[in-house]
Amino acid sequence: TTNVGPFTNQLIMGVAVSQQPNCFTGDVIIDAYLGSRYRVSGQGGGAFDLVAQVGGDVTAGTGGSLADISRSLPSPTSHTDVLGYTGGVD
């Protein structure tokens, strides 16, 4: 566990978990019946980060500077696939 801060007279905004884009490699396959298609043969990336913006120390006379903080998170042990969406009625 890594502590960040202290954030004296600062405002932490926009805290979120973000995922970096996945990278993949593949080949174009020619099928006599379906035509050409792309087959993915390798995948990587997709690391997760905890990110936030920190407003500057207004008492120090810095004019309201803004900084970003980011911490790496471990990847989840499982994943979720969305199979469909349903509407709700209030």
PDB file of N, CA and C in Angstrom:
ATOM      1  N   THR A   1       0.846  -1.171   0.000  1.00  0.00           N
ATOM      2  CA  THR A   1       0.000   0.000   0.000  1.00  0.00           C
ATOM      3  C   THR A   1       0.894   1.238   0.000  1.00  0.00           C
ATOM      4  N   THR A   2       0.585   2.170  -0.895  1.00  0.00           N
ATOM      5  CA  THR A   2       1.342   3.408  -0.993  1.00  0.00           C
ATOM      6  C   THR A   2       0.444   4.565  -0.625  1.00  0.00           C
ATOM      7  N   ASN A   3       0.891   5.392   0.317  1.00  0.00           N
ATOM      8  CA  ASN A   3       0.143   6.580   0.699  1.00  0.00           C
ATOM      9  C   ASN A   3       0.525   7.728  -0.212  1.00  0.00           C
ATOM     10  N   VAL A   4      -0.452   8.535  -0.581  1.00  0.00           N
ATOM     11  CA  VAL A   4      -0.237   9.701  -1.411  1.00  0.00           C
ATOM     12  C   VAL A   4      -0.695  10.899  -0.602  1.00  0.00           C
ATOM     13  N   GLY A   5       0.036  11.974  -0.686  1.00  0.00           N
ATOM     14  CA  GLY A   5      -0.381  13.161   0.036  1.00  0.00           C
ATOM     15  C   GLY A   5       0.711  13.628   0.958  1.00  0.00           C
ATOM     16  N   PRO A   6       0.454  14.457   1.901  1.00  0.00           N
ATOM     17  CA  PRO A   6      -0.840  14.979   2.338  1.00  0.00           C
ATOM     18  C   PRO A   6      -1.366  16.026   1.359  1.00  0.00           C
ATOM     19  N   PHE A   7      -2.657  16.161   1.314  1.00  0.00           N
ATOM     20  CA  PHE A   7      -3.323  17.102   0.431  1.00  0.00           C
ATOM     21  C   PHE A   7      -3.896  18.251   1.257  1.00  0.00           C
ATOM     22  N   THR A   8      -3.034  19.037   1.878  1.00  0.00           N
ATOM     23  CA  THR A   8      -3.446  20.153   2.704  1.00  0.00           C
ATOM     24  C   THR A   8      -3.904  21.294   1.811  1.00  0.00           C
ATOM     25  N   ASN A   9      -5.103  21.820   2.055  1.00  0.00           N
ATOM     26  CA  ASN A   9      -5.680  22.924   1.274  1.00  0.00           C
ATOM     27  C   ASN A   9      -5.748  22.607  -0.211  1.00  0.00           C
ATOM     28  N   GLN A  10      -5.976  21.344  -0.567  1.00  0.00           N
ATOM     29  CA  GLN A  10      -6.098  20.937  -1.954  1.00  0.00           C
ATOM     30  C   GLN A  10      -7.402  20.184  -2.140  1.00  0.00           C
ATOM     31  N   LEU A  11      -7.899  20.194  -3.352  1.00  0.00           N
ATOM     32  CA  LEU A  11      -9.160  19.549  -3.685  1.00  0.00           C
ATOM     33  C   LEU A  11      -8.887  18.403  -4.648  1.00  0.00           C
ATOM     34  N   ILE A  12      -9.346  17.197  -4.301  1.00  0.00           N
ATOM     35  CA  ILE A  12      -9.175  16.023  -5.165  1.00  0.00           C
ATOM     36  C   ILE A  12     -10.459  15.849  -5.954  1.00  0.00           C
ATOM     37  N   MET A  13     -10.342  15.847  -7.286  1.00  0.00           N
ATOM     38  CA  MET A  13     -11.512  15.780  -8.174  1.00  0.00           C
ATOM     39  C   MET A  13     -11.347  14.657  -9.193  1.00  0.00           C
ATOM     40  N   GLY A  14     -12.456  14.214  -9.731  1.00  0.00           N
ATOM     41  CA  GLY A  14     -12.443  13.290 -10.862  1.00  0.00           C
ATOM     42  C   GLY A  14     -11.783  11.962 -10.581  1.00  0.00           C
ATOM     43  N   VAL A  15     -11.985  11.395  -9.406  1.00  0.00           N
ATOM     44  CA  VAL A  15     -11.386  10.094  -9.086  1.00  0.00           C
ATOM     45  C   VAL A  15     -12.080   9.021  -9.912  1.00  0.00           C
ATOM     46  N   ALA A  16     -11.298   8.211 -10.613  1.00  0.00           N
ATOM     47  CA  ALA A  16     -11.869   7.182 -11.488  1.00  0.00           C
ATOM     48  C   ALA A  16     -10.877   6.040 -11.663  1.00  0.00           C
ATOM     49  N   VAL A  17     -11.387   4.906 -12.076  1.00  0.00           N
ATOM     50  CA  VAL A  17     -10.557   3.778 -12.489  1.00  0.00           C
ATOM     51  C   VAL A  17     -10.588   3.762 -14.007  1.00  0.00           C
ATOM     52  N   SER A  18      -9.416   3.768 -14.624  1.00  0.00           N
ATOM     53  CA  SER A  18      -9.343   3.745 -16.081  1.00  0.00           C
ATOM     54  C   SER A  18      -8.592   2.497 -16.534  1.00  0.00           C
ATOM     55  N   GLN A  19      -8.912   2.069 -17.738  1.00  0.00           N
ATOM     56  CA  GLN A  19      -8.225   0.922 -18.318  1.00  0.00           C
ATOM     57  C   GLN A  19      -7.522   1.368 -19.588  1.00  0.00           C
ATOM     58  N   GLN A  20      -6.256   1.026 -19.696  1.00  0.00           N
ATOM     59  CA  GLN A  20      -5.509   1.351 -20.904  1.00  0.00           C
ATOM     60  C   GLN A  20      -6.015   0.486 -22.049  1.00  0.00           C
ATOM     61  N   PRO A  21      -5.917   0.967 -23.272  1.00  0.00           N
ATOM     62  CA  PRO A  21      -6.406   0.188 -24.415  1.00  0.00           C
ATOM     63  C   PRO A  21      -5.680  -1.150 -24.561  1.00  0.00           C
ATOM     64  N   ASN A  22      -6.407  -2.136 -25.021  1.00  0.00           N
ATOM     65  CA  ASN A  22      -5.814  -3.437 -25.317  1.00  0.00           C
ATOM     66  C   ASN A  22      -5.106  -3.373 -26.662  1.00  0.00           C
ATOM     67  N   CYS A  23      -4.009  -4.075 -26.770  1.00  0.00           N
ATOM     68  CA  CYS A  23      -3.289  -4.205 -28.033  1.00  0.00           C
ATOM     69  C   CYS A  23      -3.521  -5.617 -28.552  1.00  0.00           C
ATOM     70  N   PHE A  24      -3.589  -5.756 -29.858  1.00  0.00           N
ATOM     71  CA  PHE A  24      -3.765  -7.089 -30.411  1.00  0.00           C
ATOM     72  C   PHE A  24      -3.057  -7.192 -31.748  1.00  0.00           C
ATOM     73  N   THR A  25      -2.746  -8.416 -32.120  1.00  0.00           N
ATOM     74  CA  THR A  25      -2.155  -8.713 -33.422  1.00  0.00           C
ATOM     75  C   THR A  25      -3.009  -9.767 -34.094  1.00  0.00           C
ATOM     76  N   GLY A  26      -2.912  -9.844 -35.393  1.00  0.00           N
ATOM     77  CA  GLY A  26      -3.713 -10.826 -36.104  1.00  0.00           C
ATOM     78  C   GLY A  26      -3.371 -10.870 -37.581  1.00  0.00           C
ATOM     79  N   ASP A  27      -4.154 -11.627 -38.311  1.00  0.00           N
ATOM     80  CA  ASP A  27      -3.939 -11.835 -39.743  1.00  0.00           C
ATOM     81  C   ASP A  27      -5.266 -11.739 -40.477  1.00  0.00           C
ATOM     82  N   VAL A  28      -5.197 -11.348 -41.742  1.00  0.00           N
ATOM     83  CA  VAL A  28      -6.370 -11.367 -42.606  1.00  0.00           C
ATOM     84  C   VAL A  28      -6.476 -12.769 -43.202  1.00  0.00           C
ATOM     85  N   ILE A  29      -7.632 -13.386 -43.016  1.00  0.00           N
ATOM     86  CA  ILE A  29      -7.885 -14.739 -43.508  1.00  0.00           C
ATOM     87  C   ILE A  29      -8.858 -14.643 -44.693  1.00  0.00           C
ATOM     88  N   ILE A  30      -8.553 -15.337 -45.755  1.00  0.00           N
ATOM     89  CA  ILE A  30      -9.436 -15.377 -46.911  1.00  0.00           C
ATOM     90  C   ILE A  30     -10.245 -16.666 -46.852  1.00  0.00           C
ATOM     91  N   ASP A  31     -11.564 -16.524 -46.805  1.00  0.00           N
ATOM     92  CA  ASP A  31     -12.473 -17.660 -46.752  1.00  0.00           C
ATOM     93  C   ASP A  31     -13.233 -17.723 -48.069  1.00  0.00           C
ATOM     94  N   ALA A  32     -13.314 -18.896 -48.678  1.00  0.00           N
ATOM     95  CA  ALA A  32     -13.983 -19.046 -49.973  1.00  0.00           C
ATOM     96  C   ALA A  32     -15.469 -18.726 -49.893  1.00  0.00           C
ATOM     97  N   TYR A  33     -16.091 -18.918 -48.747  1.00  0.00           N
ATOM     98  CA  TYR A  33     -17.526 -18.688 -48.606  1.00  0.00           C
ATOM     99  C   TYR A  33     -17.855 -17.325 -48.003  1.00  0.00           C
ATOM    100  N   LEU A  34     -17.073 -16.868 -47.043  1.00  0.00           N
ATOM    101  CA  LEU A  34     -17.373 -15.631 -46.333  1.00  0.00           C
ATOM    102  C   LEU A  34     -16.533 -14.443 -46.778  1.00  0.00           C
ATOM    103  N   GLY A  35     -15.525 -14.650 -47.593  1.00  0.00           N
ATOM    104  CA  GLY A  35     -14.646 -13.570 -47.997  1.00  0.00           C
ATOM    105  C   GLY A  35     -13.528 -13.377 -46.994  1.00  0.00           C
ATOM    106  N   SER A  36     -13.003 -12.162 -46.940  1.00  0.00           N
ATOM    107  CA  SER A  36     -11.890 -11.916 -46.031  1.00  0.00           C
ATOM    108  C   SER A  36     -12.409 -11.531 -44.640  1.00  0.00           C
ATOM    109  N   ARG A  37     -11.642 -11.905 -43.635  1.00  0.00           N
ATOM    110  CA  ARG A  37     -11.972 -11.561 -42.252  1.00  0.00           C
ATOM    111  C   ARG A  37     -10.667 -11.445 -41.480  1.00  0.00           C
ATOM    112  N   TYR A  38     -10.714 -10.802 -40.328  1.00  0.00           N
ATOM    113  CA  TYR A  38      -9.534 -10.591 -39.503  1.00  0.00           C
ATOM    114  C   TYR A  38      -9.585 -11.536 -38.309  1.00  0.00           C
ATOM    115  N   ARG A  39      -8.530 -12.297 -38.113  1.00  0.00           N
ATOM    116  CA  ARG A  39      -8.449 -13.237 -36.994  1.00  0.00           C
ATOM    117  C   ARG A  39      -7.411 -12.726 -35.993  1.00  0.00           C
ATOM    118  N   VAL A  40      -7.830 -12.524 -34.755  1.00  0.00           N
ATOM    119  CA  VAL A  40      -6.941 -12.061 -33.694  1.00  0.00           C
ATOM    120  C   VAL A  40      -6.111 -13.242 -33.210  1.00  0.00           C
ATOM    121  N   SER A  41      -4.779 -13.053 -33.167  1.00  0.00           N
ATOM    122  CA  SER A  41      -3.918 -14.157 -32.741  1.00  0.00           C
ATOM    123  C   SER A  41      -3.190 -13.866 -31.430  1.00  0.00           C
ATOM    124  N   GLY A  42      -3.179 -12.620 -30.988  1.00  0.00           N
ATOM    125  CA  GLY A  42      -2.515 -12.294 -29.735  1.00  0.00           C
ATOM    126  C   GLY A  42      -3.102 -11.032 -29.136  1.00  0.00           C
ATOM    127  N   GLN A  43      -3.076 -10.940 -27.814  1.00  0.00           N
ATOM    128  CA  GLN A  43      -3.666  -9.796 -27.133  1.00  0.00           C
ATOM    129  C   GLN A  43      -2.810  -9.430 -25.935  1.00  0.00           C
ATOM    130  N   GLY A  44      -2.744  -8.151 -25.617  1.00  0.00           N
ATOM    131  CA  GLY A  44      -1.972  -7.702 -24.466  1.00  0.00           C
ATOM    132  C   GLY A  44      -2.447  -6.336 -24.012  1.00  0.00           C
ATOM    133  N   GLY A  45      -1.853  -5.837 -22.952  1.00  0.00           N
ATOM    134  CA  GLY A  45      -2.220  -4.511 -22.445  1.00  0.00           C
ATOM    135  C   GLY A  45      -3.449  -4.570 -21.569  1.00  0.00           C
ATOM    136  N   GLY A  46      -4.121  -3.432 -21.458  1.00  0.00           N
ATOM    137  CA  GLY A  46      -5.346  -3.359 -20.681  1.00  0.00           C
ATOM    138  C   GLY A  46      -5.126  -3.182 -19.196  1.00  0.00           C
ATOM    139  N   ALA A  47      -3.984  -2.589 -18.798  1.00  0.00           N
ATOM    140  CA  ALA A  47      -3.702  -2.384 -17.375  1.00  0.00           C
ATOM    141  C   ALA A  47      -4.684  -1.373 -16.774  1.00  0.00           C
ATOM    142  N   PHE A  48      -4.934  -1.484 -15.481  1.00  0.00           N
ATOM    143  CA  PHE A  48      -5.874  -0.613 -14.780  1.00  0.00           C
ATOM    144  C   PHE A  48      -5.116   0.390 -13.917  1.00  0.00           C
ATOM    145  N   ASP A  49      -5.641   1.632 -13.860  1.00  0.00           N
ATOM    146  CA  ASP A  49      -5.050   2.693 -13.051  1.00  0.00           C
ATOM    147  C   ASP A  49      -6.137   3.416 -12.267  1.00  0.00           C
ATOM    148  N   LEU A  50      -5.784   3.880 -11.079  1.00  0.00           N
ATOM    149  CA  LEU A  50      -6.620   4.792 -10.311  1.00  0.00           C
ATOM    150  C   LEU A  50      -6.090   6.187 -10.593  1.00  0.00           C
ATOM    151  N   VAL A  51      -6.934   7.077 -11.121  1.00  0.00           N
ATOM    152  CA  VAL A  51      -6.491   8.409 -11.521  1.00  0.00           C
ATOM    153  C   VAL A  51      -7.356   9.474 -10.846  1.00  0.00           C
ATOM    154  N   ALA A  52      -6.772  10.648 -10.638  1.00  0.00           N
ATOM    155  CA  ALA A  52      -7.497  11.774 -10.060  1.00  0.00           C
ATOM    156  C   ALA A  52      -6.762  13.064 -10.398  1.00  0.00           C
ATOM    157  N   GLN A  53      -7.484  14.170 -10.340  1.00  0.00           N
ATOM    158  CA  GLN A  53      -6.888  15.485 -10.506  1.00  0.00           C
ATOM    159  C   GLN A  53      -6.868  16.155  -9.136  1.00  0.00           C
ATOM    160  N   VAL A  54      -5.788  16.893  -8.861  1.00  0.00           N
ATOM    161  CA  VAL A  54      -5.625  17.552  -7.570  1.00  0.00           C
ATOM    162  C   VAL A  54      -5.464  19.042  -7.824  1.00  0.00           C
ATOM    163  N   GLY A  55      -6.365  19.834  -7.222  1.00  0.00           N
ATOM    164  CA  GLY A  55      -6.286  21.284  -7.330  1.00  0.00           C
ATOM    165  C   GLY A  55      -5.174  21.815  -6.440  1.00  0.00           C
ATOM    166  N   GLY A  56      -4.491  22.887  -6.899  1.00  0.00           N
ATOM    167  CA  GLY A  56      -3.335  23.436  -6.200  1.00  0.00           C
ATOM    168  C   GLY A  56      -3.668  24.064  -4.868  1.00  0.00           C
ATOM    169  N   ASP A  57      -2.635  24.345  -4.113  1.00  0.00           N
ATOM    170  CA  ASP A  57      -2.744  24.950  -2.784  1.00  0.00           C
ATOM    171  C   ASP A  57      -3.014  26.441  -2.954  1.00  0.00           C
ATOM    172  N   VAL A  58      -4.251  26.856  -2.713  1.00  0.00           N
ATOM    173  CA  VAL A  58      -4.637  28.248  -2.938  1.00  0.00           C
ATOM    174  C   VAL A  58      -4.010  29.182  -1.906  1.00  0.00           C
ATOM    175  N   THR A  59      -3.570  28.672  -0.762  1.00  0.00           N
ATOM    176  CA  THR A  59      -2.951  29.541   0.248  1.00  0.00           C
ATOM    177  C   THR A  59      -1.502  29.846  -0.094  1.00  0.00           C
ATOM    178  N   ALA A  60      -0.893  29.079  -0.973  1.00  0.00           N
ATOM    179  CA  ALA A  60       0.508  29.311  -1.323  1.00  0.00           C
ATOM    180  C   ALA A  60       0.659  30.343  -2.432  1.00  0.00           C
ATOM    181  N   GLY A  61      -0.456  30.837  -2.991  1.00  0.00           N
ATOM    182  CA  GLY A  61      -0.381  31.840  -4.047  1.00  0.00           C
ATOM    183  C   GLY A  61       0.076  31.303  -5.377  1.00  0.00           C
ATOM    184  N   THR A  62      -0.182  30.015  -5.642  1.00  0.00           N
ATOM    185  CA  THR A  62       0.257  29.417  -6.904  1.00  0.00           C
ATOM    186  C   THR A  62      -0.693  29.708  -8.049  1.00  0.00           C
ATOM    187  N   GLY A  63      -1.822  30.342  -7.779  1.00  0.00           N
ATOM    188  CA  GLY A  63      -2.759  30.649  -8.849  1.00  0.00           C
ATOM    189  C   GLY A  63      -3.649  29.489  -9.225  1.00  0.00           C
ATOM    190  N   GLY A  64      -3.769  28.499  -8.376  1.00  0.00           N
ATOM    191  CA  GLY A  64      -4.686  27.394  -8.656  1.00  0.00           C
ATOM    192  C   GLY A  64      -4.136  26.383  -9.629  1.00  0.00           C
ATOM    193  N   SER A  65      -2.958  25.852  -9.371  1.00  0.00           N
ATOM    194  CA  SER A  65      -2.373  24.851 -10.258  1.00  0.00           C
ATOM    195  C   SER A  65      -3.167  23.547 -10.192  1.00  0.00           C
ATOM    196  N   LEU A  66      -3.003  22.704 -11.200  1.00  0.00           N
ATOM    197  CA  LEU A  66      -3.703  21.426 -11.286  1.00  0.00           C
ATOM    198  C   LEU A  66      -2.691  20.340 -11.592  1.00  0.00           C
ATOM    199  N   ALA A  67      -2.757  19.252 -10.855  1.00  0.00           N
ATOM    200  CA  ALA A  67      -1.851  18.123 -11.067  1.00  0.00           C
ATOM    201  C   ALA A  67      -2.664  16.848 -11.181  1.00  0.00           C
ATOM    202  N   ASP A  68      -2.071  15.831 -11.766  1.00  0.00           N
ATOM    203  CA  ASP A  68      -2.693  14.510 -11.885  1.00  0.00           C
ATOM    204  C   ASP A  68      -1.952  13.534 -10.982  1.00  0.00           C
ATOM    205  N   ILE A  69      -2.704  12.614 -10.377  1.00  0.00           N
ATOM    206  CA  ILE A  69      -2.074  11.505  -9.669  1.00  0.00           C
ATOM    207  C   ILE A  69      -2.595  10.216 -10.301  1.00  0.00           C
ATOM    208  N   SER A  70      -1.742   9.221 -10.344  1.00  0.00           N
ATOM    209  CA  SER A  70      -2.105   7.943 -10.951  1.00  0.00           C
ATOM    210  C   SER A  70      -1.394   6.830 -10.195  1.00  0.00           C
ATOM    211  N   ARG A  71      -2.126   5.778  -9.904  1.00  0.00           N
ATOM    212  CA  ARG A  71      -1.569   4.607  -9.230  1.00  0.00           C
ATOM    213  C   ARG A  71      -2.025   3.358  -9.970  1.00  0.00           C
ATOM    214  N   SER A  72      -1.093   2.455 -10.213  1.00  0.00           N
ATOM    215  CA  SER A  72      -1.427   1.199 -10.892  1.00  0.00           C
ATOM    216  C   SER A  72      -2.249   0.315  -9.977  1.00  0.00           C
ATOM    217  N   LEU A  73      -3.220  -0.379 -10.562  1.00  0.00           N
ATOM    218  CA  LEU A  73      -4.061  -1.322  -9.827  1.00  0.00           C
ATOM    219  C   LEU A  73      -3.841  -2.714 -10.390  1.00  0.00           C
ATOM    220  N   PRO A  74      -3.977  -3.742  -9.570  1.00  0.00           N
ATOM    221  CA  PRO A  74      -3.877  -5.105 -10.102  1.00  0.00           C
ATOM    222  C   PRO A  74      -5.077  -5.406 -11.002  1.00  0.00           C
ATOM    223  N   SER A  75      -4.853  -6.202 -12.015  1.00  0.00           N
ATOM    224  CA  SER A  75      -5.951  -6.598 -12.907  1.00  0.00           C
ATOM    225  C   SER A  75      -6.931  -7.482 -12.159  1.00  0.00           C
ATOM    226  N   PRO A  76      -8.219  -7.386 -12.496  1.00  0.00           N
ATOM    227  CA  PRO A  76      -9.200  -8.254 -11.839  1.00  0.00           C
ATOM    228  C   PRO A  76      -8.932  -9.719 -12.148  1.00  0.00           C
ATOM    229  N   THR A  77      -9.338 -10.584 -11.237  1.00  0.00           N
ATOM    230  CA  THR A  77      -9.111 -12.016 -11.439  1.00  0.00           C
ATOM    231  C   THR A  77     -10.109 -12.625 -12.414  1.00  0.00           C
ATOM    232  N   SER A  78     -11.204 -11.919 -12.683  1.00  0.00           N
ATOM    233  CA  SER A  78     -12.175 -12.401 -13.659  1.00  0.00           C
ATOM    234  C   SER A  78     -12.693 -11.205 -14.441  1.00  0.00           C
ATOM    235  N   HIS A  79     -13.414 -11.461 -15.508  1.00  0.00           N
ATOM    236  CA  HIS A  79     -13.954 -10.380 -16.321  1.00  0.00           C
ATOM    237  C   HIS A  79     -15.446 -10.581 -16.530  1.00  0.00           C
ATOM    238  N   THR A  80     -16.091  -9.515 -16.962  1.00  0.00           N
ATOM    239  CA  THR A  80     -17.526  -9.545 -17.199  1.00  0.00           C
ATOM    240  C   THR A  80     -17.796  -9.266 -18.668  1.00  0.00           C
ATOM    241  N   ASP A  81     -18.626 -10.055 -19.287  1.00  0.00           N
ATOM    242  CA  ASP A  81     -19.061  -9.825 -20.663  1.00  0.00           C
ATOM    243  C   ASP A  81     -20.497  -9.342 -20.641  1.00  0.00           C
ATOM    244  N   VAL A  82     -20.763  -8.239 -21.327  1.00  0.00           N
ATOM    245  CA  VAL A  82     -22.127  -7.731 -21.433  1.00  0.00           C
ATOM    246  C   VAL A  82     -22.797  -8.448 -22.591  1.00  0.00           C
ATOM    247  N   LEU A  83     -23.882  -9.143 -22.300  1.00  0.00           N
ATOM    248  CA  LEU A  83     -24.588  -9.895 -23.327  1.00  0.00           C
ATOM    249  C   LEU A  83     -25.724  -9.098 -23.936  1.00  0.00           C
ATOM    250  N   GLY A  84     -26.222  -8.108 -23.228  1.00  0.00           N
ATOM    251  CA  GLY A  84     -27.318  -7.298 -23.752  1.00  0.00           C
ATOM    252  C   GLY A  84     -27.715  -6.260 -22.747  1.00  0.00           C
ATOM    253  N   TYR A  85     -28.536  -5.356 -23.191  1.00  0.00           N
ATOM    254  CA  TYR A  85     -29.022  -4.291 -22.334  1.00  0.00           C
ATOM    255  C   TYR A  85     -30.557  -4.367 -22.270  1.00  0.00           C
ATOM    256  N   THR A  86     -31.098  -4.028 -21.131  1.00  0.00           N
ATOM    257  CA  THR A  86     -32.567  -3.962 -21.010  1.00  0.00           C
ATOM    258  C   THR A  86     -32.947  -2.601 -20.483  1.00  0.00           C
ATOM    259  N   GLY A  87     -34.104  -2.157 -20.865  1.00  0.00           N
ATOM    260  CA  GLY A  87     -34.586  -0.865 -20.390  1.00  0.00           C
ATOM    261  C   GLY A  87     -35.306  -1.026 -19.063  1.00  0.00           C
ATOM    262  N   GLY A  88     -35.344   0.042 -18.314  1.00  0.00           N
ATOM    263  CA  GLY A  88     -36.043   0.026 -17.032  1.00  0.00           C
ATOM    264  C   GLY A  88     -37.253   0.931 -17.085  1.00  0.00           C
ATOM    265  N   VAL A  89     -38.234   0.616 -16.296  1.00  0.00           N
ATOM    266  CA  VAL A  89     -39.451   1.427 -16.218  1.00  0.00           C
ATOM    267  C   VAL A  89     -39.547   1.965 -14.803  1.00  0.00           C
ATOM    268  N   ASP A  90     -39.685   3.291 -14.702  1.00  0.00           N
ATOM    269  CA  ASP A  90     -39.790   3.917 -13.382  1.00  0.00           C
ATOM    270  C   ASP A  90     -41.234   4.038 -12.972  1.00  0.00           C
TER     271      ASP A  90
END
